Structure formats: C-alpha cells, structure tokens
Amino acid sequence: MNKMNQRTVTLGQAIKYFRTRKKGMSLRAVARECEISHEYLNQIERDNSEPSQDLIRSLGISLGVDPEWLMLLSGIIPDTFKETIRQNPKDVLNFLEKLGEEGNK
C-alpha cells in the first residue's frame, strides 16, 4: 500500500502529489493545460481554494487521475455515484456496511 492510501489526504495534497511525483509536471504546465493561472492552482494545492467540478475533471484528466476520486476527496459525490445510489439503495447500503466491517478488523 502506498502513502496515498495509508492516510487521509486532501484534494490539494493529492493534486500536488500526482503533479510532482507521478507526472513530473510543473505548476505552470498543469495550470496551462487546465486553462487556469498557476497562482490559482497553487491555492488549490494548498487547500486555500475549492475548484469547480469542471476544473476537478480537467485536473484529473491532465494528471491521469480518476476525476471522480478527486471529487470524492473534495467532498463532492459524483453524479454517476448518485445515480447508482438512487437505482440500488439497498445494495449500496449493504456494500458500505460490509466495507465498514472489514475496516474494523
């Protein structure tokens, strides 16, 4: 298990980790790809600003990270997850209960 999975991380920490350690990209390069200023990206990485869902998607694509995972880190439940919950509420609840039980072992 890598460091990203061993502790709770913030959206900003995850973005910075994937930008620097996994992609080796500069702040300016990612900002340019996402059509934002590098100052704004720096604020996001320091968790001083909350990006929109569209920007989170753009960052995920730029960094090769699942945008839905990034949304969950930011506290947003992606629409695809909401639809699954609406269609299968009992299955989702059972899954979460089992997941909680395994986490307590």
PDB file of N, CA and C in Angstrom:
ATOM      1  N   MET A   1       0.845  -1.177   0.000  1.00  0.00           N
ATOM      2  CA  MET A   1       0.000   0.000   0.000  1.00  0.00           C
ATOM      3  C   MET A   1       0.893   1.244   0.000  1.00  0.00           C
ATOM      4  N   ASN A   2       0.616   2.191  -0.899  1.00  0.00           N
ATOM      5  CA  ASN A   2       1.462   3.377  -0.949  1.00  0.00           C
ATOM      6  C   ASN A   2       1.007   4.441   0.043  1.00  0.00           C
ATOM      7  N   LYS A   3       1.785   5.500   0.166  1.00  0.00           N
ATOM      8  CA  LYS A   3       1.494   6.543   1.141  1.00  0.00           C
ATOM      9  C   LYS A   3       0.138   7.192   0.921  1.00  0.00           C
ATOM     10  N   MET A   4      -0.293   7.331  -0.339  1.00  0.00           N
ATOM     11  CA  MET A   4      -1.566   7.970  -0.630  1.00  0.00           C
ATOM     12  C   MET A   4      -2.730   7.186  -0.041  1.00  0.00           C
ATOM     13  N   ASN A   5      -2.590   5.864   0.144  1.00  0.00           N
ATOM     14  CA  ASN A   5      -3.667   5.040   0.666  1.00  0.00           C
ATOM     15  C   ASN A   5      -3.601   4.868   2.182  1.00  0.00           C
ATOM     16  N   GLN A   6      -2.503   5.217   2.802  1.00  0.00           N
ATOM     17  CA  GLN A   6      -2.320   4.939   4.213  1.00  0.00           C
ATOM     18  C   GLN A   6      -2.904   6.005   5.126  1.00  0.00           C
ATOM     19  N   ARG A   7      -3.201   7.171   4.602  1.00  0.00           N
ATOM     20  CA  ARG A   7      -3.747   8.223   5.441  1.00  0.00           C
ATOM     21  C   ARG A   7      -4.717   9.043   4.631  1.00  0.00           C
ATOM     22  N   THR A   8      -5.522   9.811   5.315  1.00  0.00           N
ATOM     23  CA  THR A   8      -6.455  10.676   4.631  1.00  0.00           C
ATOM     24  C   THR A   8      -5.692  11.843   4.015  1.00  0.00           C
ATOM     25  N   VAL A   9      -5.987  12.102   2.775  1.00  0.00           N
ATOM     26  CA  VAL A   9      -5.341  13.212   2.080  1.00  0.00           C
ATOM     27  C   VAL A   9      -6.397  14.204   1.624  1.00  0.00           C
ATOM     28  N   THR A  10      -5.975  15.428   1.447  1.00  0.00           N
ATOM     29  CA  THR A  10      -6.876  16.453   0.938  1.00  0.00           C
ATOM     30  C   THR A  10      -6.796  16.481  -0.583  1.00  0.00           C
ATOM     31  N   LEU A  11      -7.734  17.160  -1.182  1.00  0.00           N
ATOM     32  CA  LEU A  11      -7.716  17.316  -2.635  1.00  0.00           C
ATOM     33  C   LEU A  11      -6.423  17.989  -3.074  1.00  0.00           C
ATOM     34  N   GLY A  12      -6.045  19.057  -2.405  1.00  0.00           N
ATOM     35  CA  GLY A  12      -4.829  19.780  -2.770  1.00  0.00           C
ATOM     36  C   GLY A  12      -3.581  18.922  -2.668  1.00  0.00           C
ATOM     37  N   GLN A  13      -3.476  18.140  -1.607  1.00  0.00           N
ATOM     38  CA  GLN A  13      -2.326  17.256  -1.441  1.00  0.00           C
ATOM     39  C   GLN A  13      -2.268  16.217  -2.553  1.00  0.00           C
ATOM     40  N   ALA A  14      -3.423  15.667  -2.915  1.00  0.00           N
ATOM     41  CA  ALA A  14      -3.465  14.656  -3.979  1.00  0.00           C
ATOM     42  C   ALA A  14      -3.047  15.262  -5.313  1.00  0.00           C
ATOM     43  N   ILE A  15      -3.554  16.438  -5.616  1.00  0.00           N
ATOM     44  CA  ILE A  15      -3.200  17.084  -6.881  1.00  0.00           C
ATOM     45  C   ILE A  15      -1.700  17.349  -6.937  1.00  0.00           C
ATOM     46  N   LYS A  16      -1.155  17.883  -5.867  1.00  0.00           N
ATOM     47  CA  LYS A  16       0.285  18.169  -5.849  1.00  0.00           C
ATOM     48  C   LYS A  16       1.102  16.880  -5.962  1.00  0.00           C
ATOM     49  N   TYR A  17       0.683  15.844  -5.261  1.00  0.00           N
ATOM     50  CA  TYR A  17       1.384  14.559  -5.311  1.00  0.00           C
ATOM     51  C   TYR A  17       1.428  14.025  -6.744  1.00  0.00           C
ATOM     52  N   PHE A  18       0.275  13.959  -7.391  1.00  0.00           N
ATOM     53  CA  PHE A  18       0.240  13.413  -8.743  1.00  0.00           C
ATOM     54  C   PHE A  18       0.947  14.322  -9.742  1.00  0.00           C
ATOM     55  N   ARG A  19       0.868  15.616  -9.537  1.00  0.00           N
ATOM     56  CA  ARG A  19       1.551  16.548 -10.434  1.00  0.00           C
ATOM     57  C   ARG A  19       3.058  16.389 -10.351  1.00  0.00           C
ATOM     58  N   THR A  20       3.585  16.329  -9.121  1.00  0.00           N
ATOM     59  CA  THR A  20       5.041  16.327  -8.934  1.00  0.00           C
ATOM     60  C   THR A  20       5.649  14.932  -8.967  1.00  0.00           C
ATOM     61  N   ARG A  21       5.040  13.985  -8.280  1.00  0.00           N
ATOM     62  CA  ARG A  21       5.656  12.659  -8.122  1.00  0.00           C
ATOM     63  C   ARG A  21       5.316  11.689  -9.238  1.00  0.00           C
ATOM     64  N   LYS A  22       4.106  11.759  -9.745  1.00  0.00           N
ATOM     65  CA  LYS A  22       3.685  10.786 -10.762  1.00  0.00           C
ATOM     66  C   LYS A  22       3.845  11.315 -12.179  1.00  0.00           C
ATOM     67  N   LYS A  23       3.562  12.583 -12.387  1.00  0.00           N
ATOM     68  CA  LYS A  23       3.642  13.134 -13.733  1.00  0.00           C
ATOM     69  C   LYS A  23       4.889  13.983 -13.952  1.00  0.00           C
ATOM     70  N   GLY A  24       5.524  14.450 -12.887  1.00  0.00           N
ATOM     71  CA  GLY A  24       6.705  15.289 -13.010  1.00  0.00           C
ATOM     72  C   GLY A  24       6.436  16.585 -13.751  1.00  0.00           C
ATOM     73  N   MET A  25       5.256  17.125 -13.545  1.00  0.00           N
ATOM     74  CA  MET A  25       4.856  18.344 -14.251  1.00  0.00           C
ATOM     75  C   MET A  25       5.012  19.571 -13.356  1.00  0.00           C
ATOM     76  N   SER A  26       5.312  20.678 -13.971  1.00  0.00           N
ATOM     77  CA  SER A  26       5.409  21.927 -13.216  1.00  0.00           C
ATOM     78  C   SER A  26       4.006  22.474 -12.948  1.00  0.00           C
ATOM     79  N   LEU A  27       3.931  23.334 -11.974  1.00  0.00           N
ATOM     80  CA  LEU A  27       2.684  24.017 -11.639  1.00  0.00           C
ATOM     81  C   LEU A  27       2.161  24.753 -12.873  1.00  0.00           C
ATOM     82  N   ARG A  28       3.050  25.445 -13.548  1.00  0.00           N
ATOM     83  CA  ARG A  28       2.659  26.232 -14.729  1.00  0.00           C
ATOM     84  C   ARG A  28       2.153  25.344 -15.865  1.00  0.00           C
ATOM     85  N   ALA A  29       2.774  24.173 -16.056  1.00  0.00           N
ATOM     86  CA  ALA A  29       2.355  23.279 -17.143  1.00  0.00           C
ATOM     87  C   ALA A  29       0.938  22.757 -16.910  1.00  0.00           C
ATOM     88  N   VAL A  30       0.657  22.332 -15.690  1.00  0.00           N
ATOM     89  CA  VAL A  30      -0.685  21.826 -15.384  1.00  0.00           C
ATOM     90  C   VAL A  30      -1.696  22.964 -15.469  1.00  0.00           C
ATOM     91  N   ALA A  31      -1.347  24.118 -14.938  1.00  0.00           N
ATOM     92  CA  ALA A  31      -2.248  25.275 -15.000  1.00  0.00           C
ATOM     93  C   ALA A  31      -2.564  25.633 -16.446  1.00  0.00           C
ATOM     94  N   ARG A  32      -1.563  25.618 -17.280  1.00  0.00           N
ATOM     95  CA  ARG A  32      -1.754  25.930 -18.697  1.00  0.00           C
ATOM     96  C   ARG A  32      -2.699  24.920 -19.349  1.00  0.00           C
ATOM     97  N   GLU A  33      -2.487  23.629 -19.086  1.00  0.00           N
ATOM     98  CA  GLU A  33      -3.358  22.583 -19.643  1.00  0.00           C
ATOM     99  C   GLU A  33      -4.807  22.750 -19.195  1.00  0.00           C
ATOM    100  N   CYS A  34      -4.987  23.209 -17.964  1.00  0.00           N
ATOM    101  CA  CYS A  34      -6.339  23.350 -17.404  1.00  0.00           C
ATOM    102  C   CYS A  34      -6.914  24.750 -17.609  1.00  0.00           C
ATOM    103  N   GLU A  35      -6.137  25.598 -18.267  1.00  0.00           N
ATOM    104  CA  GLU A  35      -6.560  26.959 -18.583  1.00  0.00           C
ATOM    105  C   GLU A  35      -6.906  27.780 -17.340  1.00  0.00           C
ATOM    106  N   ILE A  36      -6.016  27.683 -16.347  1.00  0.00           N
ATOM    107  CA  ILE A  36      -6.132  28.498 -15.131  1.00  0.00           C
ATOM    108  C   ILE A  36      -4.759  29.100 -14.859  1.00  0.00           C
ATOM    109  N   SER A  37      -4.717  30.039 -13.939  1.00  0.00           N
ATOM    110  CA  SER A  37      -3.425  30.626 -13.590  1.00  0.00           C
ATOM    111  C   SER A  37      -2.671  29.686 -12.650  1.00  0.00           C
ATOM    112  N   HIS A  38      -1.347  29.783 -12.700  1.00  0.00           N
ATOM    113  CA  HIS A  38      -0.555  28.947 -11.792  1.00  0.00           C
ATOM    114  C   HIS A  38      -0.773  29.385 -10.342  1.00  0.00           C
ATOM    115  N   GLU A  39      -1.096  30.661 -10.144  1.00  0.00           N
ATOM    116  CA  GLU A  39      -1.387  31.138  -8.783  1.00  0.00           C
ATOM    117  C   GLU A  39      -2.637  30.452  -8.226  1.00  0.00           C
ATOM    118  N   TYR A  40      -3.646  30.305  -9.076  1.00  0.00           N
ATOM    119  CA  TYR A  40      -4.881  29.652  -8.636  1.00  0.00           C
ATOM    120  C   TYR A  40      -4.623  28.172  -8.334  1.00  0.00           C
ATOM    121  N   LEU A  41      -3.858  27.492  -9.192  1.00  0.00           N
ATOM    122  CA  LEU A  41      -3.527  26.093  -8.941  1.00  0.00           C
ATOM    123  C   LEU A  41      -2.744  25.959  -7.635  1.00  0.00           C
ATOM    124  N   ASN A  42      -1.862  26.891  -7.372  1.00  0.00           N
ATOM    125  CA  ASN A  42      -1.114  26.878  -6.117  1.00  0.00           C
ATOM    126  C   ASN A  42      -2.061  26.999  -4.924  1.00  0.00           C
ATOM    127  N   GLN A  43      -3.070  27.848  -5.031  1.00  0.00           N
ATOM    128  CA  GLN A  43      -4.060  27.987  -3.952  1.00  0.00           C
ATOM    129  C   GLN A  43      -4.823  26.685  -3.744  1.00  0.00           C
ATOM    130  N   ILE A  44      -5.167  26.024  -4.848  1.00  0.00           N
ATOM    131  CA  ILE A  44      -5.877  24.740  -4.755  1.00  0.00           C
ATOM    132  C   ILE A  44      -4.994  23.698  -4.067  1.00  0.00           C
ATOM    133  N   GLU A  45      -3.729  23.624  -4.462  1.00  0.00           N
ATOM    134  CA  GLU A  45      -2.810  22.648  -3.860  1.00  0.00           C
ATOM    135  C   GLU A  45      -2.587  22.904  -2.380  1.00  0.00           C
ATOM    136  N   ARG A  46      -2.712  24.149  -1.954  1.00  0.00           N
ATOM    137  CA  ARG A  46      -2.561  24.466  -0.525  1.00  0.00           C
ATOM    138  C   ARG A  46      -3.904  24.419   0.209  1.00  0.00           C
ATOM    139  N   ASP A  47      -4.940  23.947  -0.502  1.00  0.00           N
ATOM    140  CA  ASP A  47      -6.297  23.829   0.056  1.00  0.00           C
ATOM    141  C   ASP A  47      -6.848  25.175   0.512  1.00  0.00           C
ATOM    142  N   ASN A  48      -6.448  26.235  -0.177  1.00  0.00           N
ATOM    143  CA  ASN A  48      -6.955  27.578   0.118  1.00  0.00           C
ATOM    144  C   ASN A  48      -8.056  27.998  -0.844  1.00  0.00           C
ATOM    145  N   SER A  49      -8.392  27.124  -1.790  1.00  0.00           N
ATOM    146  CA  SER A  49      -9.444  27.418  -2.754  1.00  0.00           C
ATOM    147  C   SER A  49     -10.103  26.115  -3.173  1.00  0.00           C
ATOM    148  N   GLU A  50     -11.415  26.165  -3.377  1.00  0.00           N
ATOM    149  CA  GLU A  50     -12.154  24.978  -3.789  1.00  0.00           C
ATOM    150  C   GLU A  50     -12.495  25.088  -5.271  1.00  0.00           C
ATOM    151  N   PRO A  51     -11.928  24.218  -6.098  1.00  0.00           N
ATOM    152  CA  PRO A  51     -12.204  24.278  -7.529  1.00  0.00           C
ATOM    153  C   PRO A  51     -13.602  23.774  -7.866  1.00  0.00           C
ATOM    154  N   SER A  52     -14.096  24.178  -9.019  1.00  0.00           N
ATOM    155  CA  SER A  52     -15.388  23.704  -9.507  1.00  0.00           C
ATOM    156  C   SER A  52     -15.270  22.245  -9.939  1.00  0.00           C
ATOM    157  N   GLN A  53     -16.417  21.598 -10.121  1.00  0.00           N
ATOM    158  CA  GLN A  53     -16.409  20.218 -10.598  1.00  0.00           C
ATOM    159  C   GLN A  53     -15.760  20.118 -11.968  1.00  0.00           C
ATOM    160  N   ASP A  54     -16.020  21.098 -12.824  1.00  0.00           N
ATOM    161  CA  ASP A  54     -15.413  21.080 -14.157  1.00  0.00           C
ATOM    162  C   ASP A  54     -13.894  21.158 -14.071  1.00  0.00           C
ATOM    163  N   LEU A  55     -13.389  21.993 -13.172  1.00  0.00           N
ATOM    164  CA  LEU A  55     -11.941  22.106 -13.020  1.00  0.00           C
ATOM    165  C   LEU A  55     -11.358  20.829 -12.420  1.00  0.00           C
ATOM    166  N   ILE A  56     -12.058  20.223 -11.480  1.00  0.00           N
ATOM    167  CA  ILE A  56     -11.588  18.954 -10.908  1.00  0.00           C
ATOM    168  C   ILE A  56     -11.490  17.901 -12.007  1.00  0.00           C
ATOM    169  N   ARG A  57     -12.485  17.859 -12.896  1.00  0.00           N
ATOM    170  CA  ARG A  57     -12.435  16.914 -14.024  1.00  0.00           C
ATOM    171  C   ARG A  57     -11.215  17.196 -14.898  1.00  0.00           C
ATOM    172  N   SER A  58     -11.002  18.474 -15.200  1.00  0.00           N
ATOM    173  CA  SER A  58      -9.876  18.870 -16.040  1.00  0.00           C
ATOM    174  C   SER A  58      -8.543  18.496 -15.397  1.00  0.00           C
ATOM    175  N   LEU A  59      -8.410  18.730 -14.098  1.00  0.00           N
ATOM    176  CA  LEU A  59      -7.187  18.372 -13.379  1.00  0.00           C
ATOM    177  C   LEU A  59      -6.970  16.864 -13.394  1.00  0.00           C
ATOM    178  N   GLY A  60      -8.034  16.107 -13.179  1.00  0.00           N
ATOM    179  CA  GLY A  60      -7.925  14.648 -13.206  1.00  0.00           C
ATOM    180  C   GLY A  60      -7.431  14.158 -14.556  1.00  0.00           C
ATOM    181  N   ILE A  61      -7.997  14.696 -15.619  1.00  0.00           N
ATOM    182  CA  ILE A  61      -7.582  14.291 -16.968  1.00  0.00           C
ATOM    183  C   ILE A  61      -6.123  14.676 -17.205  1.00  0.00           C
ATOM    184  N   SER A  62      -5.758  15.883 -16.831  1.00  0.00           N
ATOM    185  CA  SER A  62      -4.390  16.355 -17.026  1.00  0.00           C
ATOM    186  C   SER A  62      -3.378  15.500 -16.262  1.00  0.00           C
ATOM    187  N   LEU A  63      -3.755  15.073 -15.062  1.00  0.00           N
ATOM    188  CA  LEU A  63      -2.837  14.332 -14.195  1.00  0.00           C
ATOM    189  C   LEU A  63      -2.960  12.812 -14.336  1.00  0.00           C
ATOM    190  N   GLY A  64      -3.914  12.352 -15.143  1.00  0.00           N
ATOM    191  CA  GLY A  64      -4.101  10.914 -15.305  1.00  0.00           C
ATOM    192  C   GLY A  64      -4.690  10.260 -14.074  1.00  0.00           C
ATOM    193  N   VAL A  65      -5.549  11.008 -13.367  1.00  0.00           N
ATOM    194  CA  VAL A  65      -6.172  10.523 -12.135  1.00  0.00           C
ATOM    195  C   VAL A  65      -7.687  10.512 -12.348  1.00  0.00           C
ATOM    196  N   ASP A  66      -8.361   9.528 -11.800  1.00  0.00           N
ATOM    197  CA  ASP A  66      -9.806   9.445 -11.924  1.00  0.00           C
ATOM    198  C   ASP A  66     -10.447  10.710 -11.343  1.00  0.00           C
ATOM    199  N   PRO A  67     -11.113  11.512 -12.165  1.00  0.00           N
ATOM    200  CA  PRO A  67     -11.736  12.740 -11.667  1.00  0.00           C
ATOM    201  C   PRO A  67     -12.767  12.484 -10.564  1.00  0.00           C
ATOM    202  N   GLU A  68     -13.446  11.342 -10.624  1.00  0.00           N
ATOM    203  CA  GLU A  68     -14.438  11.047  -9.589  1.00  0.00           C
ATOM    204  C   GLU A  68     -13.766  10.838  -8.233  1.00  0.00           C
ATOM    205  N   TRP A  69     -12.595  10.241  -8.231  1.00  0.00           N
ATOM    206  CA  TRP A  69     -11.848  10.077  -6.977  1.00  0.00           C
ATOM    207  C   TRP A  69     -11.470  11.449  -6.418  1.00  0.00           C
ATOM    208  N   LEU A  70     -11.015  12.339  -7.300  1.00  0.00           N
ATOM    209  CA  LEU A  70     -10.678  13.695  -6.848  1.00  0.00           C
ATOM    210  C   LEU A  70     -11.907  14.408  -6.300  1.00  0.00           C
ATOM    211  N   MET A  71     -13.048  14.207  -6.944  1.00  0.00           N
ATOM    212  CA  MET A  71     -14.279  14.831  -6.443  1.00  0.00           C
ATOM    213  C   MET A  71     -14.619  14.322  -5.048  1.00  0.00           C
ATOM    214  N   LEU A  72     -14.475  13.020  -4.849  1.00  0.00           N
ATOM    215  CA  LEU A  72     -14.748  12.463  -3.518  1.00  0.00           C
ATOM    216  C   LEU A  72     -13.820  13.068  -2.473  1.00  0.00           C
ATOM    217  N   LEU A  73     -12.558  13.281  -2.825  1.00  0.00           N
ATOM    218  CA  LEU A  73     -11.629  13.917  -1.890  1.00  0.00           C
ATOM    219  C   LEU A  73     -12.088  15.326  -1.523  1.00  0.00           C
ATOM    220  N   SER A  74     -12.736  15.996  -2.476  1.00  0.00           N
ATOM    221  CA  SER A  74     -13.175  17.365  -2.220  1.00  0.00           C
ATOM    222  C   SER A  74     -14.539  17.414  -1.531  1.00  0.00           C
ATOM    223  N   GLY A  75     -15.132  16.237  -1.304  1.00  0.00           N
ATOM    224  CA  GLY A  75     -16.424  16.189  -0.629  1.00  0.00           C
ATOM    225  C   GLY A  75     -17.614  16.204  -1.574  1.00  0.00           C
ATOM    226  N   ILE A  76     -17.358  16.092  -2.871  1.00  0.00           N
ATOM    227  CA  ILE A  76     -18.425  16.074  -3.870  1.00  0.00           C
ATOM    228  C   ILE A  76     -18.732  14.630  -4.238  1.00  0.00           C
ATOM    229  N   ILE A  77     -20.013  14.288  -4.229  1.00  0.00           N
ATOM    230  CA  ILE A  77     -20.414  12.960  -4.680  1.00  0.00           C
ATOM    231  C   ILE A  77     -20.692  13.064  -6.175  1.00  0.00           C
ATOM    232  N   PRO A  78     -19.888  12.379  -6.991  1.00  0.00           N
ATOM    233  CA  PRO A  78     -20.078  12.461  -8.447  1.00  0.00           C
ATOM    234  C   PRO A  78     -21.471  11.997  -8.878  1.00  0.00           C
ATOM    235  N   ASP A  79     -21.971  12.568  -9.955  1.00  0.00           N
ATOM    236  CA  ASP A  79     -23.305  12.234 -10.458  1.00  0.00           C
ATOM    237  C   ASP A  79     -23.463  10.745 -10.737  1.00  0.00           C
ATOM    238  N   THR A  80     -22.418  10.096 -11.238  1.00  0.00           N
ATOM    239  CA  THR A  80     -22.521   8.656 -11.514  1.00  0.00           C
ATOM    240  C   THR A  80     -22.755   7.860 -10.232  1.00  0.00           C
ATOM    241  N   PHE A  81     -22.148   8.306  -9.140  1.00  0.00           N
ATOM    242  CA  PHE A  81     -22.357   7.641  -7.860  1.00  0.00           C
ATOM    243  C   PHE A  81     -23.782   7.886  -7.369  1.00  0.00           C
ATOM    244  N   LYS A  82     -24.262   9.112  -7.521  1.00  0.00           N
ATOM    245  CA  LYS A  82     -25.626   9.440  -7.092  1.00  0.00           C
ATOM    246  C   LYS A  82     -26.638   8.574  -7.818  1.00  0.00           C
ATOM    247  N   GLU A  83     -26.435   8.391  -9.115  1.00  0.00           N
ATOM    248  CA  GLU A  83     -27.362   7.581  -9.904  1.00  0.00           C
ATOM    249  C   GLU A  83     -27.334   6.126  -9.441  1.00  0.00           C
ATOM    250  N   THR A  84     -26.153   5.597  -9.164  1.00  0.00           N
ATOM    251  CA  THR A  84     -26.038   4.222  -8.667  1.00  0.00           C
ATOM    252  C   THR A  84     -26.756   4.081  -7.326  1.00  0.00           C
ATOM    253  N   ILE A  85     -26.607   5.068  -6.466  1.00  0.00           N
ATOM    254  CA  ILE A  85     -27.267   5.032  -5.158  1.00  0.00           C
ATOM    255  C   ILE A  85     -28.780   5.073  -5.331  1.00  0.00           C
ATOM    256  N   ARG A  86     -29.250   5.934  -6.230  1.00  0.00           N
ATOM    257  CA  ARG A  86     -30.706   6.035  -6.479  1.00  0.00           C
ATOM    258  C   ARG A  86     -31.270   4.721  -7.009  1.00  0.00           C
ATOM    259  N   GLN A  87     -30.540   4.076  -7.903  1.00  0.00           N
ATOM    260  CA  GLN A  87     -31.032   2.859  -8.537  1.00  0.00           C
ATOM    261  C   GLN A  87     -30.908   1.626  -7.653  1.00  0.00           C
ATOM    262  N   ASN A  88     -29.933   1.609  -6.747  1.00  0.00           N
ATOM    263  CA  ASN A  88     -29.640   0.418  -5.940  1.00  0.00           C
ATOM    264  C   ASN A  88     -29.391   0.770  -4.474  1.00  0.00           C
ATOM    265  N   PRO A  89     -30.310   1.446  -3.821  1.00  0.00           N
ATOM    266  CA  PRO A  89     -30.011   1.910  -2.449  1.00  0.00           C
ATOM    267  C   PRO A  89     -29.689   0.788  -1.465  1.00  0.00           C
ATOM    268  N   LYS A  90     -30.393  -0.326  -1.547  1.00  0.00           N
ATOM    269  CA  LYS A  90     -30.137  -1.432  -0.611  1.00  0.00           C
ATOM    270  C   LYS A  90     -28.773  -2.060  -0.864  1.00  0.00           C
ATOM    271  N   ASP A  91     -28.431  -2.269  -2.135  1.00  0.00           N
ATOM    272  CA  ASP A  91     -27.133  -2.849  -2.462  1.00  0.00           C
ATOM    273  C   ASP A  91     -25.994  -1.952  -2.002  1.00  0.00           C
ATOM    274  N   VAL A  92     -26.153  -0.652  -2.203  1.00  0.00           N
ATOM    275  CA  VAL A  92     -25.114   0.292  -1.788  1.00  0.00           C
ATOM    276  C   VAL A  92     -24.979   0.284  -0.270  1.00  0.00           C
ATOM    277  N   LEU A  93     -26.094   0.279   0.433  1.00  0.00           N
ATOM    278  CA  LEU A  93     -26.051   0.245   1.890  1.00  0.00           C
ATOM    279  C   LEU A  93     -25.372  -1.028   2.390  1.00  0.00           C
ATOM    280  N   ASN A  94     -25.716  -2.175   1.811  1.00  0.00           N
ATOM    281  CA  ASN A  94     -25.075  -3.442   2.196  1.00  0.00           C
ATOM    282  C   ASN A  94     -23.576  -3.396   1.943  1.00  0.00           C
ATOM    283  N   PHE A  95     -23.188  -2.856   0.784  1.00  0.00           N
ATOM    284  CA  PHE A  95     -21.772  -2.743   0.455  1.00  0.00           C
ATOM    285  C   PHE A  95     -21.042  -1.875   1.483  1.00  0.00           C
ATOM    286  N   LEU A  96     -21.630  -0.738   1.815  1.00  0.00           N
ATOM    287  CA  LEU A  96     -20.985   0.168   2.785  1.00  0.00           C
ATOM    288  C   LEU A  96     -20.884  -0.460   4.167  1.00  0.00           C
ATOM    289  N   GLU A  97     -21.895  -1.212   4.559  1.00  0.00           N
ATOM    290  CA  GLU A  97     -21.847  -1.900   5.854  1.00  0.00           C
ATOM    291  C   GLU A  97     -20.728  -2.938   5.869  1.00  0.00           C
ATOM    292  N   LYS A  98     -20.594  -3.710   4.798  1.00  0.00           N
ATOM    293  CA  LYS A  98     -19.522  -4.710   4.712  1.00  0.00           C
ATOM    294  C   LYS A  98     -18.158  -4.049   4.694  1.00  0.00           C
ATOM    295  N   LEU A  99     -18.070  -2.949   3.975  1.00  0.00           N
ATOM    296  CA  LEU A  99     -16.816  -2.203   3.922  1.00  0.00           C
ATOM    297  C   LEU A  99     -16.427  -1.698   5.308  1.00  0.00           C
ATOM    298  N   GLY A 100     -17.406  -1.201   6.058  1.00  0.00           N
ATOM    299  CA  GLY A 100     -17.159  -0.741   7.423  1.00  0.00           C
ATOM    300  C   GLY A 100     -16.715  -1.866   8.348  1.00  0.00           C
ATOM    301  N   GLU A 101     -17.332  -3.026   8.188  1.00  0.00           N
ATOM    302  CA  GLU A 101     -16.969  -4.190   8.994  1.00  0.00           C
ATOM    303  C   GLU A 101     -15.535  -4.618   8.717  1.00  0.00           C
ATOM    304  N   GLU A 102     -15.147  -4.625   7.438  1.00  0.00           N
ATOM    305  CA  GLU A 102     -13.775  -5.018   7.076  1.00  0.00           C
ATOM    306  C   GLU A 102     -12.772  -4.001   7.571  1.00  0.00           C
ATOM    307  N   GLY A 103     -13.153  -2.753   7.584  1.00  0.00           N
ATOM    308  CA  GLY A 103     -12.268  -1.702   8.057  1.00  0.00           C
ATOM    309  C   GLY A 103     -12.029  -1.753   9.549  1.00  0.00           C
ATOM    310  N   ASN A 104     -12.942  -2.387  10.268  1.00  0.00           N
ATOM    311  CA  ASN A 104     -12.826  -2.504  11.732  1.00  0.00           C
ATOM    312  C   ASN A 104     -12.085  -3.757  12.166  1.00  0.00           C
ATOM    313  N   LYS A 105     -11.659  -4.573  11.198  1.00  0.00           N
ATOM    314  CA  LYS A 105     -10.952  -5.812  11.560  1.00  0.00           C
ATOM    315  C   LYS A 105      -9.514  -5.531  11.915  1.00  0.00           C
TER     316      LYS A 105
END
